[in-house]
Protein backbone atom coordinates (compact mmCIF):
# COMPACT_ATOMS: atom_id res chain seq x y z
CA UNK A 1 -36.49 95.12 -43.58
CA UNK A 2 -33.94 92.33 -43.77
CA UNK A 3 -30.34 93.24 -44.72
CA UNK A 4 -29.39 92.19 -48.25
CA UNK A 5 -27.34 89.03 -48.53
CA UNK A 6 -23.74 88.90 -49.64
CA UNK A 7 -24.90 87.48 -52.99
CA UNK A 8 -26.35 90.87 -53.87
CA UNK A 9 -22.88 92.41 -53.82
CA UNK A 10 -20.51 89.76 -55.18
CA UNK A 11 -21.73 89.60 -58.77
CA UNK A 12 -20.16 92.86 -59.96
CA UNK A 13 -16.76 94.36 -59.28
CA UNK A 14 -18.19 97.89 -59.14
CA UNK A 15 -20.61 97.27 -56.25
CA UNK A 16 -19.51 97.88 -52.65
CA UNK A 17 -21.17 95.98 -49.82
CA UNK A 18 -22.65 98.06 -46.96
CA UNK A 19 -19.52 97.43 -44.89
CA UNK A 20 -17.24 98.77 -47.64
CA UNK A 21 -16.00 95.51 -49.18
CA UNK A 22 -15.49 94.49 -52.79
CA UNK A 23 -16.15 90.77 -52.73
CA UNK A 24 -14.67 90.10 -56.17
CA UNK A 25 -11.36 91.54 -55.02
CA UNK A 26 -11.49 89.39 -51.89
CA UNK A 27 -12.16 86.31 -54.02
CA UNK A 28 -9.13 87.20 -56.14
CA UNK A 29 -7.04 87.42 -52.96
CA UNK A 30 -8.29 83.96 -52.03
CA UNK A 31 -6.96 82.64 -55.36
CA UNK A 32 -3.56 83.98 -54.28
CA UNK A 33 -3.81 82.52 -50.76
CA UNK A 34 -4.41 79.03 -52.17
CA UNK A 35 -1.60 79.33 -54.72
CA UNK A 36 1.84 77.81 -54.32
CA UNK A 37 4.33 79.78 -52.26
CA UNK A 38 6.85 82.27 -53.66
CA UNK A 39 9.55 83.93 -51.56
CA UNK A 40 11.63 87.09 -51.97
CA UNK A 41 14.68 88.28 -50.00
CA UNK A 42 16.81 91.41 -50.29
CA UNK A 43 20.45 90.56 -49.60
CA UNK A 44 23.69 92.52 -49.22
CA UNK A 45 24.87 92.02 -52.80
CA UNK A 46 21.68 91.04 -54.59
CA UNK A 47 18.09 89.91 -54.46
CA UNK A 48 16.69 86.37 -54.40
CA UNK A 49 13.31 85.14 -55.67
CA UNK A 50 12.29 81.54 -55.06
CA UNK A 51 9.07 79.83 -56.12
CA UNK A 52 7.56 76.45 -55.33
CA UNK A 53 5.85 74.63 -58.21
CA UNK A 54 2.93 72.28 -57.61
CA UNK A 55 3.22 69.51 -60.19
CA UNK A 56 0.63 66.81 -59.63
CA UNK A 57 1.46 64.56 -62.57
CA UNK A 58 4.68 62.67 -63.25
CA UNK A 59 3.94 63.17 -66.95
CA UNK A 60 4.11 66.97 -66.71
CA UNK A 61 7.22 68.77 -67.96
CA UNK A 62 8.22 70.90 -64.98
CA UNK A 63 10.03 73.55 -67.01
CA UNK A 64 6.73 74.43 -68.72
CA UNK A 65 5.24 75.46 -65.36
CA UNK A 66 6.71 78.94 -64.97
CA UNK A 67 6.68 80.68 -61.60
CA UNK A 68 9.79 82.86 -62.03
CA UNK A 69 10.08 85.41 -64.84
CA UNK A 70 12.85 87.70 -66.07
CA UNK A 71 11.21 91.06 -66.78
CA UNK A 72 14.34 92.96 -67.84
CA UNK A 73 18.09 92.64 -67.40
CA UNK A 74 17.80 94.05 -63.87
CA UNK A 75 14.29 92.90 -62.87
CA UNK A 76 12.76 89.52 -62.01
CA UNK A 77 9.30 88.51 -60.78
CA UNK A 78 7.72 85.56 -58.97
CA UNK A 79 4.02 84.76 -58.91
CA UNK A 80 1.36 83.07 -56.84
CA UNK A 81 -2.20 82.50 -58.00
CA UNK A 82 -3.51 82.02 -61.53
CA UNK A 83 -0.56 81.26 -63.80
CA UNK A 84 -2.24 82.67 -66.90
CA UNK A 85 -2.92 85.96 -65.10
CA UNK A 86 0.72 86.09 -64.00
CA UNK A 87 1.90 85.59 -67.58
CA UNK A 88 -0.31 88.45 -68.77
CA UNK A 89 1.01 90.81 -66.05
CA UNK A 90 4.62 89.88 -66.76
CA UNK A 91 4.08 90.60 -70.48
CA UNK A 92 2.67 93.99 -69.48
CA UNK A 93 5.67 94.68 -67.22
CA UNK A 94 8.13 93.68 -69.94
CA UNK A 95 6.46 96.03 -72.41
CA UNK A 96 6.55 98.91 -69.92
CA UNK A 97 10.25 98.26 -69.24
CA UNK A 98 11.09 98.36 -72.95
CA UNK A 99 9.02 101.49 -73.55
CA UNK A 100 10.92 103.20 -70.72
CA UNK A 101 14.26 102.19 -72.28
CA UNK A 102 13.25 103.56 -75.68
CA UNK A 103 11.90 106.81 -74.22
CA UNK A 104 14.58 107.64 -71.63
CA UNK A 105 17.53 105.47 -72.74
CA UNK A 106 17.89 104.00 -69.26
CA UNK A 107 16.74 101.05 -67.17
CA UNK A 108 13.31 101.44 -65.60
CA UNK A 109 13.48 101.97 -61.79
CA UNK A 110 12.02 99.06 -59.80
CA UNK A 111 9.53 101.22 -57.90
CA UNK A 112 8.20 102.77 -61.12
CA UNK A 113 7.61 99.46 -62.86
CA UNK A 114 5.96 98.05 -59.73
CA UNK A 115 3.64 101.06 -59.62
CA UNK A 116 2.78 100.60 -63.29
CA UNK A 117 1.83 96.98 -62.63
CA UNK A 118 -0.17 97.98 -59.53
CA UNK A 119 -2.03 100.71 -61.45
CA UNK A 120 -2.84 98.21 -64.21
CA UNK A 121 -4.23 95.74 -61.65
CA UNK A 122 -6.24 98.48 -59.94
CA UNK A 123 -7.84 99.42 -63.27
CA UNK A 124 -9.50 95.99 -63.30
CA UNK A 125 -11.24 96.64 -59.96
CA UNK A 126 -13.36 99.63 -60.96
CA UNK A 127 -15.09 98.85 -64.26
CA UNK A 128 -18.05 96.62 -64.98
CA UNK A 129 -17.53 93.65 -67.26
CA UNK A 130 -14.00 92.85 -66.05
CA UNK A 131 -12.58 90.83 -63.19
CA UNK A 132 -9.56 91.44 -60.94
CA UNK A 133 -6.32 89.60 -61.61
CA UNK A 134 -6.26 86.47 -59.45
CA UNK A 135 -2.53 86.70 -58.85
CA UNK A 136 0.09 88.49 -56.77
CA UNK A 137 3.62 89.20 -57.94
CA UNK A 138 6.89 89.71 -56.16
CA UNK A 139 8.80 92.21 -58.30
CA UNK A 140 12.43 92.75 -57.41
CA UNK A 141 15.64 94.08 -58.87
CA UNK A 142 18.51 96.53 -58.76
CA UNK A 143 18.30 100.19 -59.79
CA UNK A 144 21.14 101.86 -61.69
CA UNK A 145 22.50 103.32 -58.42
CA UNK A 146 22.82 99.78 -57.04
CA UNK A 147 19.92 99.99 -54.59
CA UNK A 148 17.84 96.82 -54.28
CA UNK A 149 14.04 96.78 -54.02
CA UNK A 150 11.40 94.09 -53.50
CA UNK A 151 7.70 94.88 -54.04
CA UNK A 152 4.55 92.82 -53.59
CA UNK A 153 1.48 93.54 -55.71
CA UNK A 154 -2.03 92.73 -54.52
CA UNK A 155 -5.13 91.96 -56.68
CA UNK A 156 -6.57 95.28 -55.47
CA UNK A 157 -3.62 97.12 -57.02
CA UNK A 158 -2.03 97.90 -53.64
CA UNK A 159 1.75 97.91 -53.52
CA UNK A 160 4.10 97.17 -50.63
CA UNK A 161 7.90 97.12 -50.34
CA UNK A 162 9.64 94.52 -48.17
CA UNK A 163 13.10 93.34 -47.13
CA UNK A 164 11.81 89.76 -47.14
CA UNK A 165 8.33 88.39 -47.72
CA UNK A 166 6.24 85.64 -49.30
CA UNK A 167 3.00 85.22 -51.23
CA UNK A 168 0.74 82.22 -51.58
CA UNK A 169 -0.42 79.48 -49.24
CA UNK A 170 2.74 79.56 -47.12
CA UNK A 171 2.85 83.34 -46.64
CA UNK A 172 2.14 83.31 -42.90
CA UNK A 173 4.58 80.51 -42.06
CA UNK A 174 7.36 82.03 -44.17
CA UNK A 175 6.92 85.53 -42.74
CA UNK A 176 6.98 84.17 -39.18
CA UNK A 177 10.22 82.36 -40.06
CA UNK A 178 11.75 85.52 -41.58
CA UNK A 179 10.85 87.61 -38.54
CA UNK A 180 13.08 85.31 -36.48
CA UNK A 181 15.81 84.39 -38.95
CA UNK A 182 16.22 87.21 -41.48
CA UNK A 183 19.13 89.61 -41.00
CA UNK A 184 20.14 92.64 -43.02
CA UNK A 185 23.19 92.39 -45.27
CA UNK A 186 23.30 88.62 -45.67
CA UNK A 187 25.17 87.42 -48.80
CA UNK A 188 23.11 86.24 -51.77
CA UNK A 189 24.17 82.60 -51.37
CA UNK A 190 23.02 82.65 -47.74
CA UNK A 191 19.80 84.32 -48.91
CA UNK A 192 19.08 81.40 -51.24
CA UNK A 193 19.65 78.92 -48.42
CA UNK A 194 17.44 80.97 -46.10
CA UNK A 195 14.66 81.06 -48.71
CA UNK A 196 14.86 77.28 -49.08
CA UNK A 197 14.66 76.82 -45.32
CA UNK A 198 11.66 79.15 -45.18
CA UNK A 199 9.90 77.27 -47.99
CA UNK A 200 10.45 73.97 -46.21
CA UNK A 201 8.65 75.44 -43.18
CA UNK A 202 5.55 76.05 -45.28
CA UNK A 203 5.20 72.77 -47.21
CA UNK A 204 5.22 69.10 -46.27
CA UNK A 205 6.54 67.54 -49.47
CA UNK A 206 10.21 66.99 -50.24
CA UNK A 207 11.82 69.69 -52.36
CA UNK A 208 13.51 68.66 -55.60
CA UNK A 209 15.10 70.82 -58.33
CA UNK A 210 12.04 70.14 -60.52
CA UNK A 211 9.75 71.71 -57.90
CA UNK A 212 11.73 74.90 -57.25
CA UNK A 213 12.58 77.91 -59.40
CA UNK A 214 15.18 80.44 -58.23
CA UNK A 215 16.19 83.78 -59.73
CA UNK A 216 18.96 86.10 -58.57
CA UNK A 217 19.50 89.78 -59.39
CA UNK A 218 22.96 91.02 -58.43
CA UNK A 219 23.98 94.66 -58.17
CA UNK A 220 25.31 95.79 -61.53
CA UNK A 221 24.74 92.37 -63.14
CA UNK A 222 21.98 90.80 -65.17
CA UNK A 223 19.12 88.93 -63.57
CA UNK A 224 19.30 85.20 -64.14
CA UNK A 225 17.43 81.99 -63.35
CA UNK A 226 19.49 79.29 -61.64
CA UNK A 227 19.96 75.98 -63.41
CA UNK A 228 18.64 72.72 -61.96
CA UNK A 229 22.20 71.69 -61.10
CA UNK A 230 22.73 74.88 -59.09
CA UNK A 231 19.39 74.47 -57.32
CA UNK A 232 20.22 70.83 -56.50
CA UNK A 233 23.44 71.99 -54.85
CA UNK A 234 21.61 74.47 -52.64
CA UNK A 235 18.92 71.90 -51.74
CA UNK A 236 21.58 69.44 -50.62
CA UNK A 237 23.38 72.02 -48.49
CA UNK A 238 20.23 73.77 -47.27
């Protein structure tokens, strides 16, 4: 008897292949691998998220192509993969953060909100008639005790915490760069410059303020997205 082909197992999310694989989840990961690169770095006094935007038309308005999102006053997220899926997950994360505030009268811890997002993504890997999210998120921020955390979500719902990492097409090149260049306790401004250098290692095109989004979360301060003028300054110095 001939072994069944892969096609027999990749039509439904609920069917495992004989070697224990869920092909739909692997296809979702491939959507992330081909997405534009996003980078996250934990610094001494804050956390940096940087995202590269692929804009193929000179007629496109770059600000409409979101890759960086403010989830709450102390949380930001960067995406790679399907933009619409990222927007849906960020809306879910924002709702969870506000529900936590109303229930407990405090900011939601970074690890808890990352787990909520991961659990939500995992839900879409075990029921027929749905598909996995074709996106990964970098979720980072500062807890009320000042500790900084950076988490990566996977289309399977898996969750990992990092000091510095990347998602998207340039993940391997950026991580190899960080393994050599990243140091604990670097200032936030140096972290932004390091993220820009890492991104340049993974892409061939010239970086401009229209093609880069940057968010910073400082200890005890609100998360914010840098203006184009600020990004231009870092690109010139970086």
